[in-house]
C-alpha atoms as a PDB file:
ATOM      1  CA  UNK A   1     129.358 134.687 130.048  1.00  0.00           C
ATOM      2  CA  UNK A   2     125.880 134.679 128.560  1.00  0.00           C
ATOM      3  CA  UNK A   3     123.637 135.614 131.450  1.00  0.00           C
ATOM      4  CA  UNK A   4     120.545 134.345 129.672  1.00  0.00           C
ATOM      5  CA  UNK A   5     121.805 130.807 129.213  1.00  0.00           C
ATOM      6  CA  UNK A   6     120.857 129.612 132.679  1.00  0.00           C
ATOM      7  CA  UNK A   7     117.394 131.155 132.485  1.00  0.00           C
ATOM      8  CA  UNK A   8     116.486 129.838 129.047  1.00  0.00           C
ATOM      9  CA  UNK A   9     113.329 127.771 129.085  1.00  0.00           C
ATOM     10  CA  UNK A  10     113.763 124.411 127.449  1.00  0.00           C
ATOM     11  CA  UNK A  11     111.915 124.156 124.194  1.00  0.00           C
ATOM     12  CA  UNK A  12     108.937 121.864 123.955  1.00  0.00           C
ATOM     13  CA  UNK A  13     110.061 118.605 122.353  1.00  0.00           C
ATOM     14  CA  UNK A  14     108.511 117.981 118.967  1.00  0.00           C
ATOM     15  CA  UNK A  15     105.491 115.689 119.045  1.00  0.00           C
ATOM     16  CA  UNK A  16     106.425 114.118 115.755  1.00  0.00           C
ATOM     17  CA  UNK A  17     109.439 112.306 114.430  1.00  0.00           C
ATOM     18  CA  UNK A  18     110.051 110.022 111.487  1.00  0.00           C
ATOM     19  CA  UNK A  19     110.283 107.088 113.906  1.00  0.00           C
ATOM     20  CA  UNK A  20     106.909 107.908 115.515  1.00  0.00           C
ATOM     21  CA  UNK A  21     105.264 108.264 112.107  1.00  0.00           C
ATOM     22  CA  UNK A  22     106.587 104.881 110.955  1.00  0.00           C
ATOM     23  CA  UNK A  23     105.536 103.211 114.221  1.00  0.00           C
ATOM     24  CA  UNK A  24     102.014 104.620 113.925  1.00  0.00           C
ATOM     25  CA  UNK A  25     101.727 103.542 110.290  1.00  0.00           C
ATOM     26  CA  UNK A  26     102.687  99.986 111.276  1.00  0.00           C
ATOM     27  CA  UNK A  27      99.789  99.769 113.730  1.00  0.00           C
ATOM     28  CA  UNK A  28      97.164  99.095 111.063  1.00  0.00           C
ATOM     29  CA  UNK A  29      96.536  98.009 107.480  1.00  0.00           C
ATOM     30  CA  UNK A  30      99.046  99.928 105.354  1.00  0.00           C
ATOM     31  CA  UNK A  31      97.174  99.079 102.140  1.00  0.00           C
ATOM     32  CA  UNK A  32      94.259 101.317 103.139  1.00  0.00           C
ATOM     33  CA  UNK A  33      96.139 103.833 105.275  1.00  0.00           C
ATOM     34  CA  UNK A  34      95.285 107.500 104.678  1.00  0.00           C
ATOM     35  CA  UNK A  35      97.126 110.564 105.886  1.00  0.00           C
ATOM     36  CA  UNK A  36      94.123 111.696 107.924  1.00  0.00           C
ATOM     37  CA  UNK A  37      93.871 108.319 109.673  1.00  0.00           C
ATOM     38  CA  UNK A  38      97.589 108.416 110.427  1.00  0.00           C
ATOM     39  CA  UNK A  39      97.339 111.945 111.826  1.00  0.00           C
ATOM     40  CA  UNK A  40      94.543 110.768 114.115  1.00  0.00           C
ATOM     41  CA  UNK A  41      96.685 107.892 115.413  1.00  0.00           C
ATOM     42  CA  UNK A  42      99.483 110.327 116.150  1.00  0.00           C
ATOM     43  CA  UNK A  43      97.187 112.881 117.768  1.00  0.00           C
ATOM     44  CA  UNK A  44      98.286 115.688 115.450  1.00  0.00           C
ATOM     45  CA  UNK A  45      96.636 117.752 112.751  1.00  0.00           C
ATOM     46  CA  UNK A  46      96.601 116.735 109.102  1.00  0.00           C
ATOM     47  CA  UNK A  47      98.735 119.764 108.211  1.00  0.00           C
ATOM     48  CA  UNK A  48     101.299 119.013 110.944  1.00  0.00           C
ATOM     49  CA  UNK A  49     101.858 115.544 109.489  1.00  0.00           C
ATOM     50  CA  UNK A  50     102.528 117.012 106.043  1.00  0.00           C
ATOM     51  CA  UNK A  51     105.405 119.034 107.509  1.00  0.00           C
ATOM     52  CA  UNK A  52     107.245 115.752 108.123  1.00  0.00           C
ATOM     53  CA  UNK A  53     106.245 113.656 105.112  1.00  0.00           C
ATOM     54  CA  UNK A  54     105.118 114.949 101.695  1.00  0.00           C
ATOM     55  CA  UNK A  55     102.405 112.348 101.083  1.00  0.00           C
ATOM     56  CA  UNK A  56     101.319 108.753 101.641  1.00  0.00           C
ATOM     57  CA  UNK A  57     104.220 107.481  99.537  1.00  0.00           C
ATOM     58  CA  UNK A  58     106.587 109.257 101.904  1.00  0.00           C
ATOM     59  CA  UNK A  59     105.009 107.430 104.852  1.00  0.00           C
ATOM     60  CA  UNK A  60     105.366 104.091 103.081  1.00  0.00           C
ATOM     61  CA  UNK A  61     109.019 104.908 102.417  1.00  0.00           C
ATOM     62  CA  UNK A  62     109.503 105.273 106.170  1.00  0.00           C
ATOM     63  CA  UNK A  63     107.704 101.976 106.747  1.00  0.00           C
ATOM     64  CA  UNK A  64     109.882 100.226 104.176  1.00  0.00           C
ATOM     65  CA  UNK A  65     112.996 101.569 105.848  1.00  0.00           C
ATOM     66  CA  UNK A  66     111.875 100.051 109.154  1.00  0.00           C
ATOM     67  CA  UNK A  67     110.918  96.739 107.556  1.00  0.00           C
ATOM     68  CA  UNK A  68     114.203  96.329 105.702  1.00  0.00           C
ATOM     69  CA  UNK A  69     116.096  97.115 108.895  1.00  0.00           C
ATOM     70  CA  UNK A  70     114.159  94.341 110.633  1.00  0.00           C
ATOM     71  CA  UNK A  71     114.638  91.635 108.001  1.00  0.00           C
ATOM     72  CA  UNK A  72     118.266  92.084 106.912  1.00  0.00           C
ATOM     73  CA  UNK A  73     120.573  89.652 108.746  1.00  0.00           C
ATOM     74  CA  UNK A  74     123.236  91.439 110.781  1.00  0.00           C
ATOM     75  CA  UNK A  75     126.093  89.311 109.422  1.00  0.00           C
ATOM     76  CA  UNK A  76     127.588  89.366 105.930  1.00  0.00           C
ATOM     77  CA  UNK A  77     127.128  86.331 103.641  1.00  0.00           C
ATOM     78  CA  UNK A  78     130.196  84.360 102.545  1.00  0.00           C
ATOM     79  CA  UNK A  79     130.921  81.174 100.617  1.00  0.00           C
ATOM     80  CA  UNK A  80     130.050  79.007 103.632  1.00  0.00           C
ATOM     81  CA  UNK A  81     126.935  80.847 104.811  1.00  0.00           C
ATOM     82  CA  UNK A  82     125.300  82.361 101.722  1.00  0.00           C
ATOM     83  CA  UNK A  83     122.488  79.771 101.433  1.00  0.00           C
ATOM     84  CA  UNK A  84     121.662  79.982 105.135  1.00  0.00           C
ATOM     85  CA  UNK A  85     121.854  83.802 104.939  1.00  0.00           C
ATOM     86  CA  UNK A  86     119.264  83.943 102.152  1.00  0.00           C
ATOM     87  CA  UNK A  87     117.064  81.451 103.988  1.00  0.00           C
ATOM     88  CA  UNK A  88     117.149  83.599 107.138  1.00  0.00           C
ATOM     89  CA  UNK A  89     116.388  86.700 105.072  1.00  0.00           C
ATOM     90  CA  UNK A  90     113.353  85.064 103.449  1.00  0.00           C
ATOM     91  CA  UNK A  91     111.982  83.782 106.758  1.00  0.00           C
ATOM     92  CA  UNK A  92     112.453  87.218 108.333  1.00  0.00           C
ATOM     93  CA  UNK A  93     110.511  88.730 105.414  1.00  0.00           C
ATOM     94  CA  UNK A  94     107.838  86.084 105.998  1.00  0.00           C
ATOM     95  CA  UNK A  95     107.498  86.905 109.691  1.00  0.00           C
ATOM     96  CA  UNK A  96     107.765  90.707 109.488  1.00  0.00           C
ATOM     97  CA  UNK A  97     105.808  91.355 106.282  1.00  0.00           C
ATOM     98  CA  UNK A  98     102.884  89.168 107.342  1.00  0.00           C
ATOM     99  CA  UNK A  99     102.807  90.790 110.792  1.00  0.00           C
ATOM    100  CA  UNK A 100     101.704  94.090 109.197  1.00  0.00           C
ATOM    101  CA  UNK A 101      98.341  93.815 107.414  1.00  0.00           C
ATOM    102  CA  UNK A 102      98.512  94.896 103.794  1.00  0.00           C
ATOM    103  CA  UNK A 103     102.281  95.353 103.650  1.00  0.00           C
ATOM    104  CA  UNK A 104     103.131  92.276 101.551  1.00  0.00           C
ATOM    105  CA  UNK A 105     100.361  93.170  99.102  1.00  0.00           C
ATOM    106  CA  UNK A 106     101.691  96.741  98.923  1.00  0.00           C
ATOM    107  CA  UNK A 107     105.229  95.565  98.139  1.00  0.00           C
ATOM    108  CA  UNK A 108     103.974  93.095  95.523  1.00  0.00           C
ATOM    109  CA  UNK A 109     101.935  95.772  93.725  1.00  0.00           C
ATOM    110  CA  UNK A 110     103.838  97.811  91.109  1.00  0.00           C
ATOM    111  CA  UNK A 111     104.967 101.032  92.758  1.00  0.00           C
ATOM    112  CA  UNK A 112     108.034 103.184  93.299  1.00  0.00           C
ATOM    113  CA  UNK A 113     110.222 101.244  95.710  1.00  0.00           C
ATOM    114  CA  UNK A 114     112.242 103.345  98.119  1.00  0.00           C
ATOM    115  CA  UNK A 115     115.770 103.269  96.591  1.00  0.00           C
ATOM    116  CA  UNK A 116     117.631 103.431  99.896  1.00  0.00           C
ATOM    117  CA  UNK A 117     115.812 100.732 101.852  1.00  0.00           C
ATOM    118  CA  UNK A 118     115.130  98.280  99.037  1.00  0.00           C
ATOM    119  CA  UNK A 119     118.556  99.021  97.610  1.00  0.00           C
ATOM    120  CA  UNK A 120     120.032  97.613 100.821  1.00  0.00           C
ATOM    121  CA  UNK A 121     117.817  94.522 100.531  1.00  0.00           C
ATOM    122  CA  UNK A 122     118.814  93.957  96.928  1.00  0.00           C
ATOM    123  CA  UNK A 123     122.502  94.603  97.687  1.00  0.00           C
ATOM    124  CA  UNK A 124     122.556  92.029 100.482  1.00  0.00           C
ATOM    125  CA  UNK A 125     120.849  89.354  98.375  1.00  0.00           C
ATOM    126  CA  UNK A 126     123.082  90.007  95.364  1.00  0.00           C
ATOM    127  CA  UNK A 127     126.152  89.749  97.617  1.00  0.00           C
ATOM    128  CA  UNK A 128     124.888  86.398  98.906  1.00  0.00           C
ATOM    129  CA  UNK A 129     124.408  85.021  95.403  1.00  0.00           C
ATOM    130  CA  UNK A 130     127.870  86.276  94.460  1.00  0.00           C
ATOM    131  CA  UNK A 131     129.306  84.539  97.530  1.00  0.00           C
ATOM    132  CA  UNK A 132     127.590  81.367  96.316  1.00  0.00           C
ATOM    133  CA  UNK A 133     129.470  81.507  93.012  1.00  0.00           C
ATOM    134  CA  UNK A 134     127.176  83.457  90.672  1.00  0.00           C
ATOM    135  CA  UNK A 135     128.701  86.148  88.489  1.00  0.00           C
ATOM    136  CA  UNK A 136     127.378  89.715  88.638  1.00  0.00           C
ATOM    137  CA  UNK A 137     124.741  89.275  85.909  1.00  0.00           C
ATOM    138  CA  UNK A 138     123.463  85.969  87.261  1.00  0.00           C
ATOM    139  CA  UNK A 139     123.362  87.312  90.808  1.00  0.00           C
ATOM    140  CA  UNK A 140     121.147  90.199  89.674  1.00  0.00           C
ATOM    141  CA  UNK A 141     118.834  87.825  87.826  1.00  0.00           C
ATOM    142  CA  UNK A 142     118.706  85.505  90.836  1.00  0.00           C
ATOM    143  CA  UNK A 143     117.727  88.440  93.044  1.00  0.00           C
ATOM    144  CA  UNK A 144     114.873  89.336  90.692  1.00  0.00           C
ATOM    145  CA  UNK A 145     113.500  85.775  90.770  1.00  0.00           C
ATOM    146  CA  UNK A 146     114.110  85.356  94.513  1.00  0.00           C
ATOM    147  CA  UNK A 147     112.671  88.738  95.517  1.00  0.00           C
ATOM    148  CA  UNK A 148     109.584  88.500  93.336  1.00  0.00           C
ATOM    149  CA  UNK A 149     109.018  84.859  94.294  1.00  0.00           C
ATOM    150  CA  UNK A 150     109.110  85.488  98.042  1.00  0.00           C
ATOM    151  CA  UNK A 151     107.024  88.669  97.948  1.00  0.00           C
ATOM    152  CA  UNK A 152     104.329  87.183  95.710  1.00  0.00           C
ATOM    153  CA  UNK A 153     103.991  84.134  97.993  1.00  0.00           C
ATOM    154  CA  UNK A 154     103.623  86.461 100.975  1.00  0.00           C
ATOM    155  CA  UNK A 155     101.083  88.672  99.179  1.00  0.00           C
ATOM    156  CA  UNK A 156      98.958  85.607  98.417  1.00  0.00           C
ATOM    157  CA  UNK A 157      99.322  84.310 101.983  1.00  0.00           C
ATOM    158  CA  UNK A 158      97.985  87.596 103.299  1.00  0.00           C
ATOM    159  CA  UNK A 159      94.494  86.741 102.046  1.00  0.00           C
ATOM    160  CA  UNK A 160      94.451  82.933 102.019  1.00  0.00           C
ATOM    161  CA  UNK A 161      96.766  80.029 102.920  1.00  0.00           C
ATOM    162  CA  UNK A 162      99.176  79.374 100.077  1.00  0.00           C
ATOM    163  CA  UNK A 163     100.458  76.030  98.831  1.00  0.00           C
ATOM    164  CA  UNK A 164     103.072  74.680  99.008  1.00  0.00           C
ATOM    165  CA  UNK A 165     104.126  75.599 102.577  1.00  0.00           C
ATOM    166  CA  UNK A 166     106.602  78.456 102.642  1.00  0.00           C
ATOM    167  CA  UNK A 167     109.565  76.334 103.792  1.00  0.00           C
ATOM    168  CA  UNK A 168     109.173  73.877 100.926  1.00  0.00           C
ATOM    169  CA  UNK A 169     108.542  76.662  98.438  1.00  0.00           C
ATOM    170  CA  UNK A 170     111.625  78.588  99.570  1.00  0.00           C
ATOM    171  CA  UNK A 171     113.911  75.551  99.458  1.00  0.00           C
ATOM    172  CA  UNK A 172     112.755  74.713  95.925  1.00  0.00           C
ATOM    173  CA  UNK A 173     113.154  78.328  94.839  1.00  0.00           C
ATOM    174  CA  UNK A 174     116.702  78.710  96.177  1.00  0.00           C
ATOM    175  CA  UNK A 175     117.960  75.353  94.959  1.00  0.00           C
ATOM    176  CA  UNK A 176     116.550  75.997  91.492  1.00  0.00           C
ATOM    177  CA  UNK A 177     118.533  79.215  90.963  1.00  0.00           C
ATOM    178  CA  UNK A 178     121.829  78.776  89.062  1.00  0.00           C
ATOM    179  CA  UNK A 179     124.931  79.629  91.082  1.00  0.00           C
ATOM    180  CA  UNK A 180     127.901  78.592  88.935  1.00  0.00           C
ATOM    181  CA  UNK A 181     128.746  78.633  85.251  1.00  0.00           C
ATOM    182  CA  UNK A 182     128.370  74.826  85.166  1.00  0.00           C
ATOM    183  CA  UNK A 183     124.787  75.197  86.394  1.00  0.00           C
ATOM    184  CA  UNK A 184     123.836  76.848  83.095  1.00  0.00           C
ATOM    185  CA  UNK A 185     122.928  74.951  79.918  1.00  0.00           C
ATOM    186  CA  UNK A 186     125.979  74.348  77.627  1.00  0.00           C
ATOM    187  CA  UNK A 187     126.265  76.966  74.900  1.00  0.00           C
ATOM    188  CA  UNK A 188     125.764  74.359  72.138  1.00  0.00           C
ATOM    189  CA  UNK A 189     122.494  73.113  73.571  1.00  0.00           C
ATOM    190  CA  UNK A 190     119.274  74.920  72.614  1.00  0.00           C
ATOM    191  CA  UNK A 191     117.794  76.581  75.654  1.00  0.00           C
ATOM    192  CA  UNK A 192     115.237  79.225  76.391  1.00  0.00           C
ATOM    193  CA  UNK A 193     116.644  82.645  77.064  1.00  0.00           C
ATOM    194  CA  UNK A 194     117.119  83.408  80.732  1.00  0.00           C
ATOM    195  CA  UNK A 195     114.455  85.752  82.115  1.00  0.00           C
ATOM    196  CA  UNK A 196     115.635  89.282  82.658  1.00  0.00           C
ATOM    197  CA  UNK A 197     114.197  92.162  84.597  1.00  0.00           C
ATOM    198  CA  UNK A 198     111.918  94.441  82.549  1.00  0.00           C
ATOM    199  CA  UNK A 199     113.707  97.401  81.047  1.00  0.00           C
ATOM    200  CA  UNK A 200     110.781  99.733  81.478  1.00  0.00           C
ATOM    201  CA  UNK A 201     108.949 100.628  84.633  1.00  0.00           C
ATOM    202  CA  UNK A 202     105.577  99.001  85.213  1.00  0.00           C
ATOM    203  CA  UNK A 203     102.771 101.539  85.285  1.00  0.00           C
ATOM    204  CA  UNK A 204     101.212 101.933  88.727  1.00  0.00           C
ATOM    205  CA  UNK A 205      97.596 100.967  89.213  1.00  0.00           C
ATOM    206  CA  UNK A 206      95.245 100.579  92.168  1.00  0.00           C
ATOM    207  CA  UNK A 207      93.141  98.009  90.302  1.00  0.00           C
ATOM    208  CA  UNK A 208      89.481  97.957  89.332  1.00  0.00           C
ATOM    209  CA  UNK A 209      88.259  96.959  92.808  1.00  0.00           C
ATOM    210  CA  UNK A 210      89.755 100.058  94.451  1.00  0.00           C
ATOM    211  CA  UNK A 211      88.730 102.260  91.515  1.00  0.00           C
ATOM    212  CA  UNK A 212      85.115 101.114  91.823  1.00  0.00           C
ATOM    213  CA  UNK A 213      85.129 101.764  95.572  1.00  0.00           C
ATOM    214  CA  UNK A 214      86.468 105.281  95.037  1.00  0.00           C
ATOM    215  CA  UNK A 215      83.925 106.128  92.342  1.00  0.00           C
ATOM    216  CA  UNK A 216      81.124 104.946  94.632  1.00  0.00           C
ATOM    217  CA  UNK A 217      82.416 107.121  97.450  1.00  0.00           C
ATOM    218  CA  UNK A 218      82.421 110.214  95.208  1.00  0.00           C
ATOM    219  CA  UNK A 219      78.710 109.839  94.434  1.00  0.00           C
ATOM    220  CA  UNK A 220      77.656 108.837  97.951  1.00  0.00           C
ATOM    221  CA  UNK A 221      74.798 110.731  99.634  1.00  0.00           C
ATOM    222  CA  UNK A 222      76.976 111.010 102.737  1.00  0.00           C
ATOM    223  CA  UNK A 223      79.204 114.093 102.788  1.00  0.00           C
ATOM    224  CA  UNK A 224      81.615 112.305 105.112  1.00  0.00           C
ATOM    225  CA  UNK A 225      81.967 109.384 102.705  1.00  0.00           C
ATOM    226  CA  UNK A 226      82.580 111.772  99.796  1.00  0.00           C
ATOM    227  CA  UNK A 227      85.196 113.635 101.812  1.00  0.00           C
ATOM    228  CA  UNK A 228      87.030 110.454 102.821  1.00  0.00           C
ATOM    229  CA  UNK A 229      87.003 109.290  99.201  1.00  0.00           C
ATOM    230  CA  UNK A 230      88.664 112.558  98.156  1.00  0.00           C
ATOM    231  CA  UNK A 231      91.247 112.219 100.904  1.00  0.00           C
ATOM    232  CA  UNK A 232      92.105 108.711  99.714  1.00  0.00           C
ATOM    233  CA  UNK A 233      92.485 109.936  96.135  1.00  0.00           C
ATOM    234  CA  UNK A 234      94.815 112.703  97.348  1.00  0.00           C
ATOM    235  CA  UNK A 235      96.901 110.201  99.304  1.00  0.00           C
ATOM    236  CA  UNK A 236      97.059 107.755  96.385  1.00  0.00           C
ATOM    237  CA  UNK A 237      97.542 110.391  93.674  1.00  0.00           C
ATOM    238  CA  UNK A 238     100.748 108.809  92.334  1.00  0.00           C
ATOM    239  CA  UNK A 239      99.394 105.258  92.439  1.00  0.00           C
ATOM    240  CA  UNK A 240      96.855 105.569  89.587  1.00  0.00           C
ATOM    241  CA  UNK A 241      97.392 104.714  85.952  1.00  0.00           C
ATOM    242  CA  UNK A 242      96.178 107.066  83.210  1.00  0.00           C
ATOM    243  CA  UNK A 243      92.766 105.410  82.808  1.00  0.00           C
ATOM    244  CA  UNK A 244      92.113 105.530  86.545  1.00  0.00           C
ATOM    245  CA  UNK A 245      93.293 109.130  86.876  1.00  0.00           C
ATOM    246  CA  UNK A 246      91.105 110.320  83.981  1.00  0.00           C
ATOM    247  CA  UNK A 247      88.046 108.534  85.384  1.00  0.00           C
ATOM    248  CA  UNK A 248      88.511 110.019  88.842  1.00  0.00           C
ATOM    249  CA  UNK A 249      89.355 113.500  87.551  1.00  0.00           C
ATOM    250  CA  UNK A 250      86.160 113.604  85.486  1.00  0.00           C
ATOM    251  CA  UNK A 251      84.056 112.479  88.454  1.00  0.00           C
ATOM    252  CA  UNK A 252      85.720 114.946  90.809  1.00  0.00           C
ATOM    253  CA  UNK A 253      85.112 117.844  88.438  1.00  0.00           C
ATOM    254  CA  UNK A 254      81.435 116.945  88.075  1.00  0.00           C
ATOM    255  CA  UNK A 255      81.084 116.422  91.815  1.00  0.00           C
ATOM    256  CA  UNK A 256      82.643 119.828  92.543  1.00  0.00           C
ATOM    257  CA  UNK A 257      80.159 121.627  90.290  1.00  0.00           C
ATOM    258  CA  UNK A 258      77.207 119.955  92.045  1.00  0.00           C
ATOM    259  CA  UNK A 259      78.657 120.004  95.572  1.00  0.00           C
ATOM    260  CA  UNK A 260      76.613 121.699  98.299  1.00  0.00           C
ATOM    261  CA  UNK A 261      78.956 120.947 101.217  1.00  0.00           C
ATOM    262  CA  UNK A 262      81.820 123.449 101.523  1.00  0.00           C
ATOM    263  CA  UNK A 263      84.198 120.985 103.195  1.00  0.00           C
ATOM    264  CA  UNK A 264      83.568 118.387 100.492  1.00  0.00           C
ATOM    265  CA  UNK A 265      84.160 120.974  97.783  1.00  0.00           C
ATOM    266  CA  UNK A 266      87.507 121.793  99.356  1.00  0.00           C
ATOM    267  CA  UNK A 267      88.421 118.093  99.381  1.00  0.00           C
ATOM    268  CA  UNK A 268      87.320 117.631  95.760  1.00  0.00           C
ATOM    269  CA  UNK A 269      89.411 120.553  94.536  1.00  0.00           C
ATOM    270  CA  UNK A 270      92.369 119.417  96.614  1.00  0.00           C
ATOM    271  CA  UNK A 271      92.105 115.886  95.194  1.00  0.00           C
ATOM    272  CA  UNK A 272      92.056 117.281  91.656  1.00  0.00           C
ATOM    273  CA  UNK A 273      95.136 119.340  92.473  1.00  0.00           C
ATOM    274  CA  UNK A 274      96.979 116.279  93.775  1.00  0.00           C
ATOM    275  CA  UNK A 275      95.972 114.221  90.718  1.00  0.00           C
ATOM    276  CA  UNK A 276      97.192 116.978  88.416  1.00  0.00           C
ATOM    277  CA  UNK A 277     100.755 116.599  89.743  1.00  0.00           C
ATOM    278  CA  UNK A 278     100.975 113.205  88.028  1.00  0.00           C
ATOM    279  CA  UNK A 279      99.989 114.757  84.677  1.00  0.00           C
ATOM    280  CA  UNK A 280      97.732 111.838  83.731  1.00  0.00           C
ATOM    281  CA  UNK A 281      94.529 113.662  82.799  1.00  0.00           C
ATOM    282  CA  UNK A 282      93.718 116.333  80.209  1.00  0.00           C
ATOM    283  CA  UNK A 283      91.721 119.545  80.145  1.00  0.00           C
ATOM    284  CA  UNK A 284      88.832 117.721  78.439  1.00  0.00           C
ATOM    285  CA  UNK A 285      88.532 115.398  81.445  1.00  0.00           C
ATOM    286  CA  UNK A 286      87.769 118.274  83.814  1.00  0.00           C
ATOM    287  CA  UNK A 287      86.020 120.643  81.382  1.00  0.00           C
ATOM    288  CA  UNK A 288      82.920 120.487  83.609  1.00  0.00           C
ATOM    289  CA  UNK A 289      84.866 122.397  86.249  1.00  0.00           C
ATOM    290  CA  UNK A 290      84.593 125.557  84.158  1.00  0.00           C
ATOM    291  CA  UNK A 291      80.929 125.724  85.168  1.00  0.00           C
ATOM    292  CA  UNK A 292      81.841 126.134  88.839  1.00  0.00           C
ATOM    293  CA  UNK A 293      81.324 129.834  89.732  1.00  0.00           C
ATOM    294  CA  UNK A 294      84.407 131.255  91.380  1.00  0.00           C
ATOM    295  CA  UNK A 295      82.298 133.257  93.818  1.00  0.00           C
ATOM    296  CA  UNK A 296      80.681 130.052  95.128  1.00  0.00           C
ATOM    297  CA  UNK A 297      84.026 128.830  96.449  1.00  0.00           C
ATOM    298  CA  UNK A 298      85.223 129.794  99.921  1.00  0.00           C
ATOM    299  CA  UNK A 299      88.043 132.367  99.821  1.00  0.00           C
ATOM    300  CA  UNK A 300      90.433 129.862 101.420  1.00  0.00           C
ATOM    301  CA  UNK A 301      89.768 127.390  98.577  1.00  0.00           C
ATOM    302  CA  UNK A 302      89.830 129.755  95.607  1.00  0.00           C
ATOM    303  CA  UNK A 303      93.543 129.133  95.148  1.00  0.00           C
ATOM    304  CA  UNK A 304      92.878 125.442  94.398  1.00  0.00           C
ATOM    305  CA  UNK A 305      90.380 126.381  91.697  1.00  0.00           C
ATOM    306  CA  UNK A 306      92.557 129.145  90.221  1.00  0.00           C
ATOM    307  CA  UNK A 307      95.587 126.843  89.991  1.00  0.00           C
ATOM    308  CA  UNK A 308      93.595 124.243  88.079  1.00  0.00           C
ATOM    309  CA  UNK A 309      92.109 126.842  85.739  1.00  0.00           C
ATOM    310  CA  UNK A 310      95.513 128.361  85.002  1.00  0.00           C
ATOM    311  CA  UNK A 311      97.104 124.958  84.380  1.00  0.00           C
ATOM    312  CA  UNK A 312      94.419 123.452  82.139  1.00  0.00           C
ATOM    313  CA  UNK A 313      92.486 126.362  80.624  1.00  0.00           C
END
């Protein structure tokens, strides 16, 4: 018998879990959530949080998993219940998405949807449309119209009351989607082509309002504001389009050369490193960085600078 088994001290339970991270993220506005803010809510260090999730997108994947679990009806749709099933799904999305500030707007904005969680949502809705009589192609098209229609209404309702009321809008939306072959225009009658899902991915973008706010933060007189702006850029690194990434990269490089605060310089170099992973800016955009003396950078931060120099110059 192992004589040490009875004397072994129980290990300290981990302070973090995927469930705790998702719960903490749901306690505030997910549209403006940063990794540092989330770490503060959890009472852990920034670096400890990164051991569980790779970035802000990883956190939002956890949130989406929780939200889809909440909204999906527990029963399976069939020929008798499919319409009611979709109605319950939409109302659950209404209640749950609007209960979390910023979530509906996040889902409505072009971004990489989590394949597992949103795949379950899509699969359930497609199965309901199939149960209602639609063939495979029509069911997929119905899901696209239904999903986009519900989410866009909710995103608009997050900032101002939307018209018509959700119940009326939902009923009109569902009843207007074709479910059977006889619901479609006869082949001999001229008709507009049915809308299909785009074949290419929509480029991500944070929009001009967020871009302007970030550029202002990078030139702020407050070191804390500059640092928080860099942290946000790091967290949103995969949410920028090429124009936004090039603008921010150029500003970050210039800011780093002029920076007098060591902590801000670390954040600026880290933000540039995160932006570089998306491959959306060129060497010319950060050429100013070559004027930053290597010996002016803290030893702990030299690696950030060296990695950028090796990659772009």
